[in-house]
Amino acid sequence: MNQSQLLIKKLRAALLSLRLGVFLVMLMWTLDKFINPTHSAGVFANFYKLEGFGSAIFYVLGALELLLILAFVAGFAKKWTYGAVFVLHAVSTLSAWQFYLGFNNLLFFAAWPMLSACYALFVLRDYDTLFSVR
């Protein structure tokens, strides 16, 4: 195995690791819509200024999000699924802008490395082939 082949092998493993990590976070956010739709309503009200939704809308959003992230973790239709995950997380990250202004909410800064991971997966999607639908 030459150096180029070894680099591609390592890149594929690293991209799989990123894909699984992003999936895990997105899965928890998706499950929250089913388990605690009241919390999801609060998130939508606080961060997106969207209020007045009943639980049913969060079940629908959760189901759609679940389909998206299952396709994402499978590596299916990468341009669209990786792009959608990147955009969704970018909106989520940017909507919390007020929490980046001080040191009171340091956990919010964890969104930035995940956003970078989503970006890396999107731009390197053609190399993310390990355990991926072709």
Protein backbone atom coordinates (compact mmCIF):
# COMPACT_ATOMS: atom_id res chain seq x y z
CA MET A 1 0.00 0.00 0.00
CA ASN A 2 1.53 3.29 -1.06
CA GLN A 3 1.34 6.53 0.91
CA SER A 4 -1.56 7.91 -1.14
CA GLN A 5 -3.66 4.79 -0.59
CA LEU A 6 -2.89 4.87 3.12
CA LEU A 7 -3.96 8.51 3.31
CA ILE A 8 -7.29 7.74 1.57
CA LYS A 9 -7.87 4.82 3.95
CA LYS A 10 -7.27 7.06 6.97
CA LEU A 11 -9.43 9.82 5.47
CA ARG A 12 -12.33 7.40 4.99
CA ALA A 13 -12.07 6.23 8.59
CA ALA A 14 -11.93 9.82 9.87
CA LEU A 15 -14.97 10.82 7.79
CA LEU A 16 -16.92 7.82 9.09
CA SER A 17 -16.05 8.92 12.62
CA LEU A 18 -17.32 12.44 11.89
CA ARG A 19 -20.50 11.09 10.28
CA LEU A 20 -21.26 8.87 13.28
CA GLY A 21 -20.54 11.69 15.74
CA VAL A 22 -22.76 14.19 13.93
CA PHE A 23 -25.47 11.53 13.63
CA LEU A 24 -25.39 10.86 17.37
CA VAL A 25 -25.92 14.53 18.24
CA MET A 26 -28.65 14.94 15.62
CA LEU A 27 -30.32 11.73 16.85
CA MET A 28 -30.55 13.11 20.38
CA TRP A 29 -32.10 16.35 19.08
CA THR A 30 -34.53 14.31 16.97
CA LEU A 31 -35.54 12.03 19.84
CA ASP A 32 -36.14 15.11 21.98
CA LYS A 33 -38.91 16.13 19.57
CA PHE A 34 -40.70 12.83 20.30
CA ILE A 35 -39.91 12.46 23.99
CA ASN A 36 -40.30 16.07 25.11
CA PRO A 37 -42.15 18.15 22.49
CA THR A 38 -42.66 20.88 25.10
CA HIS A 39 -38.88 21.35 25.25
CA SER A 40 -38.77 21.51 21.44
CA ALA A 41 -41.51 24.15 21.51
CA GLY A 42 -39.40 26.17 23.95
CA VAL A 43 -36.35 25.88 21.71
CA PHE A 44 -38.35 27.05 18.70
CA ALA A 45 -39.77 29.97 20.68
CA ASN A 46 -36.44 31.04 22.21
CA PHE A 47 -34.11 30.59 19.26
CA TYR A 48 -36.25 30.86 16.14
CA LYS A 49 -39.01 33.15 17.49
CA LEU A 50 -41.61 30.61 16.31
CA GLU A 51 -44.36 30.09 18.88
CA GLY A 52 -47.75 28.50 19.28
CA PHE A 53 -47.03 25.06 17.85
CA GLY A 54 -48.69 21.99 19.33
CA SER A 55 -46.99 18.68 19.97
CA ALA A 56 -48.17 17.23 16.66
CA ILE A 57 -45.92 19.52 14.61
CA PHE A 58 -42.88 18.35 16.57
CA TYR A 59 -43.77 14.71 15.94
CA VAL A 60 -43.95 15.49 12.21
CA LEU A 61 -40.68 17.46 12.30
CA GLY A 62 -39.09 14.68 14.32
CA ALA A 63 -40.20 12.05 11.80
CA LEU A 64 -38.85 14.09 8.88
CA GLU A 65 -35.61 14.77 10.72
CA LEU A 66 -35.28 11.08 11.58
CA LEU A 67 -35.61 10.15 7.90
CA LEU A 68 -32.98 12.74 7.01
CA ILE A 69 -30.43 11.65 9.60
CA LEU A 70 -30.92 7.94 8.83
CA ALA A 71 -30.18 8.70 5.17
CA PHE A 72 -27.25 10.85 6.32
CA VAL A 73 -25.70 8.16 8.53
CA ALA A 74 -26.15 5.64 5.71
CA GLY A 75 -24.32 7.97 3.34
CA PHE A 76 -27.32 8.08 1.01
CA ALA A 77 -27.71 10.97 -1.48
CA LYS A 78 -24.76 12.71 0.14
CA LYS A 79 -25.02 16.01 -1.69
CA TRP A 80 -28.56 16.48 -0.35
CA THR A 81 -28.45 14.80 3.04
CA TYR A 82 -25.02 16.11 4.06
CA GLY A 83 -26.00 19.53 2.72
CA ALA A 84 -29.28 19.53 4.63
CA VAL A 85 -27.60 18.48 7.89
CA PHE A 86 -24.99 21.21 7.39
CA VAL A 87 -27.65 23.88 6.73
CA LEU A 88 -29.85 22.74 9.65
CA HIS A 89 -26.93 22.82 12.02
CA ALA A 90 -25.73 26.18 10.66
CA VAL A 91 -29.17 27.70 11.31
CA SER A 92 -29.17 26.20 14.80
CA THR A 93 -25.67 27.47 15.54
CA LEU A 94 -26.22 30.97 14.18
CA SER A 95 -29.61 31.37 15.86
CA ALA A 96 -27.88 31.16 19.24
CA TRP A 97 -25.63 34.15 18.48
CA GLN A 98 -26.48 35.94 21.75
CA PHE A 99 -25.00 33.05 23.76
CA TYR A 100 -21.58 33.55 22.17
CA LEU A 101 -21.24 37.07 23.58
CA GLY A 102 -20.16 36.07 27.08
CA PHE A 103 -18.81 33.27 29.20
CA ASN A 104 -22.12 32.29 30.79
CA ASN A 105 -23.05 29.57 28.29
CA LEU A 106 -19.83 27.86 27.26
CA LEU A 107 -21.63 24.69 26.12
CA PHE A 108 -23.04 26.61 23.17
CA PHE A 109 -19.51 26.86 21.76
CA ALA A 110 -19.58 23.09 21.14
CA ALA A 111 -21.84 23.85 18.19
CA TRP A 112 -18.93 25.35 16.22
CA PRO A 113 -16.72 22.24 16.00
CA MET A 114 -19.81 20.24 15.01
CA LEU A 115 -20.58 22.81 12.32
CA SER A 116 -17.00 22.40 11.10
CA ALA A 117 -17.50 18.62 11.04
CA CYS A 118 -20.71 19.05 9.00
CA TYR A 119 -18.85 21.30 6.57
CA ALA A 120 -15.94 18.85 6.27
CA LEU A 121 -18.34 15.99 5.59
CA PHE A 122 -20.13 18.01 2.93
CA VAL A 123 -17.01 19.09 1.03
CA LEU A 124 -15.31 15.68 1.37
CA ARG A 125 -18.46 13.63 0.76
CA ASP A 126 -16.98 11.85 -2.27
CA TYR A 127 -14.32 10.33 0.00
CA ASP A 128 -16.78 9.29 2.71
CA THR A 129 -17.38 5.78 1.41
CA LEU A 130 -16.75 3.55 4.43
CA PHE A 131 -20.04 1.85 5.42
CA SER A 132 -21.84 4.14 3.00
CA VAL A 133 -24.62 3.52 0.49
CA ARG A 134 -23.24 3.92 -3.01
